[in-house]
Amino acid sequence: MLLSSLLENCPDNIKKYFIRKRFKKGESIILQGDNDRYIYFIIKGRIKIFSILPDGEQYILTYLSA
């Protein structure tokens, strides 16, 4: 299902809470250990999903793009 179709068919009582937010390159969206209560849709761009190891090193899990 395309994102545009999902958004068009979403009930109004849910759609009213949608917010378009832009992130700068390198800006964190969700930090490891956070309990975020939002759902994010990638409309344009690319994100890196990674975990921080106990020694502080980044372990890249995957990249997602739209």
N, C-alpha and C. Protein backbone atom coordinates (compact mmCIF):
# COMPACT_ATOMS: atom_id res chain seq x y z
N MET A 1 0.85 -1.17 0.00
CA MET A 1 0.00 0.00 0.00
C MET A 1 0.89 1.24 0.00
N LEU A 2 0.56 2.16 -0.84
CA LEU A 2 1.30 3.42 -0.91
C LEU A 2 0.96 4.31 0.28
N LEU A 3 1.93 5.08 0.72
CA LEU A 3 1.71 5.98 1.84
C LEU A 3 0.58 6.95 1.56
N SER A 4 0.51 7.46 0.34
CA SER A 4 -0.55 8.42 0.01
C SER A 4 -1.93 7.79 0.17
N SER A 5 -2.07 6.54 -0.20
CA SER A 5 -3.34 5.83 -0.04
C SER A 5 -3.66 5.63 1.44
N LEU A 6 -2.65 5.28 2.21
CA LEU A 6 -2.84 5.11 3.66
C LEU A 6 -3.31 6.41 4.29
N LEU A 7 -2.68 7.50 3.93
CA LEU A 7 -3.04 8.79 4.52
C LEU A 7 -4.44 9.25 4.09
N GLU A 8 -4.78 9.01 2.85
CA GLU A 8 -6.10 9.41 2.35
C GLU A 8 -7.22 8.63 3.01
N ASN A 9 -6.98 7.36 3.30
CA ASN A 9 -8.03 6.50 3.85
C ASN A 9 -8.01 6.42 5.38
N CYS A 10 -7.15 7.16 6.00
CA CYS A 10 -7.04 7.16 7.45
C CYS A 10 -8.23 7.90 8.05
N PRO A 11 -8.81 7.37 9.12
CA PRO A 11 -9.94 8.07 9.76
C PRO A 11 -9.51 9.46 10.25
N ASP A 12 -10.43 10.41 10.16
CA ASP A 12 -10.15 11.80 10.54
C ASP A 12 -9.73 11.94 12.00
N ASN A 13 -10.27 11.09 12.88
CA ASN A 13 -9.92 11.21 14.30
C ASN A 13 -8.48 10.78 14.56
N ILE A 14 -7.86 10.10 13.62
CA ILE A 14 -6.44 9.76 13.71
C ILE A 14 -5.62 10.76 12.90
N LYS A 15 -6.11 11.06 11.71
CA LYS A 15 -5.40 11.96 10.79
C LYS A 15 -5.14 13.34 11.41
N LYS A 16 -6.01 13.79 12.29
CA LYS A 16 -5.84 15.12 12.88
C LYS A 16 -4.58 15.22 13.74
N TYR A 17 -4.01 14.08 14.11
CA TYR A 17 -2.80 14.08 14.92
C TYR A 17 -1.52 13.99 14.09
N PHE A 18 -1.64 13.85 12.78
CA PHE A 18 -0.46 13.76 11.92
C PHE A 18 0.27 15.09 11.90
N ILE A 19 1.57 15.02 11.99
CA ILE A 19 2.42 16.21 11.93
C ILE A 19 3.54 15.92 10.95
N ARG A 20 3.78 16.82 10.05
CA ARG A 20 4.93 16.68 9.14
C ARG A 20 6.12 17.33 9.81
N LYS A 21 7.18 16.58 9.93
CA LYS A 21 8.38 17.08 10.59
C LYS A 21 9.58 16.77 9.72
N ARG A 22 10.44 17.75 9.59
CA ARG A 22 11.67 17.58 8.82
C ARG A 22 12.83 17.46 9.79
N PHE A 23 13.75 16.57 9.46
CA PHE A 23 14.94 16.38 10.26
C PHE A 23 16.16 16.75 9.43
N LYS A 24 17.14 17.34 10.08
CA LYS A 24 18.38 17.68 9.41
C LYS A 24 19.27 16.45 9.31
N LYS A 25 20.13 16.43 8.32
CA LYS A 25 21.06 15.33 8.16
C LYS A 25 21.87 15.16 9.46
N GLY A 26 21.91 13.93 9.95
CA GLY A 26 22.65 13.62 11.16
C GLY A 26 21.86 13.80 12.45
N GLU A 27 20.67 14.39 12.34
CA GLU A 27 19.84 14.61 13.53
C GLU A 27 19.20 13.29 13.96
N SER A 28 19.17 13.03 15.26
CA SER A 28 18.55 11.81 15.77
C SER A 28 17.03 11.96 15.80
N ILE A 29 16.35 10.88 15.46
CA ILE A 29 14.89 10.85 15.51
C ILE A 29 14.45 10.15 16.79
N ILE A 30 14.96 8.97 17.02
CA ILE A 30 14.68 8.21 18.24
C ILE A 30 16.02 7.73 18.78
N LEU A 31 16.22 7.87 20.08
CA LEU A 31 17.45 7.42 20.70
C LEU A 31 17.26 6.06 21.35
N GLN A 32 18.29 5.27 21.32
CA GLN A 32 18.27 3.95 21.92
C GLN A 32 17.83 4.06 23.38
N GLY A 33 16.87 3.23 23.77
CA GLY A 33 16.37 3.23 25.14
C GLY A 33 15.17 4.12 25.36
N ASP A 34 14.86 5.00 24.40
CA ASP A 34 13.68 5.86 24.52
C ASP A 34 12.41 5.05 24.31
N ASN A 35 11.37 5.44 24.98
CA ASN A 35 10.04 4.87 24.75
C ASN A 35 9.23 5.90 23.99
N ASP A 36 9.39 5.90 22.69
CA ASP A 36 8.70 6.88 21.86
C ASP A 36 7.26 6.45 21.66
N ARG A 37 6.36 7.40 21.59
CA ARG A 37 4.95 7.08 21.41
C ARG A 37 4.44 7.52 20.05
N TYR A 38 5.34 7.69 19.12
CA TYR A 38 4.97 8.14 17.78
C TYR A 38 5.32 7.08 16.75
N ILE A 39 4.70 7.20 15.59
CA ILE A 39 5.03 6.40 14.42
C ILE A 39 5.59 7.37 13.39
N TYR A 40 6.67 6.99 12.75
CA TYR A 40 7.29 7.84 11.74
C TYR A 40 7.19 7.19 10.38
N PHE A 41 6.83 7.99 9.37
CA PHE A 41 6.81 7.55 7.98
C PHE A 41 7.92 8.31 7.27
N ILE A 42 8.74 7.61 6.52
CA ILE A 42 9.76 8.27 5.72
C ILE A 42 9.10 8.68 4.41
N ILE A 43 9.01 9.97 4.18
CA ILE A 43 8.40 10.47 2.95
C ILE A 43 9.49 10.73 1.91
N LYS A 44 10.61 11.25 2.37
CA LYS A 44 11.72 11.54 1.47
C LYS A 44 13.01 11.47 2.27
N GLY A 45 14.00 10.83 1.72
CA GLY A 45 15.29 10.79 2.37
C GLY A 45 15.73 9.39 2.74
N ARG A 46 16.72 9.35 3.61
CA ARG A 46 17.33 8.09 4.01
C ARG A 46 17.67 8.15 5.50
N ILE A 47 17.42 7.06 6.22
CA ILE A 47 17.77 7.01 7.63
C ILE A 47 18.64 5.80 7.91
N LYS A 48 19.47 5.93 8.92
CA LYS A 48 20.34 4.85 9.35
C LYS A 48 19.81 4.33 10.68
N ILE A 49 19.59 3.02 10.75
CA ILE A 49 19.16 2.39 11.99
C ILE A 49 20.39 1.72 12.59
N PHE A 50 20.73 2.10 13.81
CA PHE A 50 21.91 1.52 14.43
C PHE A 50 21.73 1.37 15.93
N SER A 51 22.56 0.55 16.50
CA SER A 51 22.58 0.32 17.94
C SER A 51 23.93 0.78 18.47
N ILE A 52 23.93 1.29 19.68
CA ILE A 52 25.18 1.69 20.32
C ILE A 52 25.62 0.53 21.22
N LEU A 53 26.80 0.01 20.97
CA LEU A 53 27.35 -1.09 21.75
C LEU A 53 27.88 -0.57 23.09
N PRO A 54 28.07 -1.45 24.06
CA PRO A 54 28.55 -1.01 25.37
C PRO A 54 29.86 -0.21 25.32
N ASP A 55 30.70 -0.48 24.31
CA ASP A 55 31.95 0.27 24.19
C ASP A 55 31.78 1.61 23.47
N GLY A 56 30.51 1.96 23.12
CA GLY A 56 30.22 3.23 22.47
C GLY A 56 30.25 3.18 20.95
N GLU A 57 30.63 2.05 20.39
CA GLU A 57 30.70 1.91 18.93
C GLU A 57 29.31 1.73 18.35
N GLN A 58 29.10 2.27 17.14
CA GLN A 58 27.82 2.10 16.44
C GLN A 58 27.83 0.79 15.67
N TYR A 59 26.74 0.01 15.82
CA TYR A 59 26.55 -1.20 15.05
C TYR A 59 25.37 -0.92 14.11
N ILE A 60 25.66 -0.77 12.81
CA ILE A 60 24.61 -0.42 11.84
C ILE A 60 23.76 -1.64 11.56
N LEU A 61 22.45 -1.50 11.74
CA LEU A 61 21.51 -2.58 11.49
C LEU A 61 21.00 -2.55 10.06
N THR A 62 20.62 -1.37 9.58
CA THR A 62 20.12 -1.24 8.22
C THR A 62 19.97 0.24 7.86
N TYR A 63 19.69 0.48 6.60
CA TYR A 63 19.35 1.81 6.09
C TYR A 63 17.93 1.71 5.49
N LEU A 64 17.14 2.73 5.66
CA LEU A 64 15.82 2.81 5.05
C LEU A 64 15.73 4.09 4.26
N SER A 65 15.07 4.03 3.12
CA SER A 65 14.95 5.24 2.30
C SER A 65 13.60 5.28 1.60
N ALA A 66 13.26 6.47 1.17
CA ALA A 66 12.01 6.68 0.42
C ALA A 66 12.28 7.65 -0.70
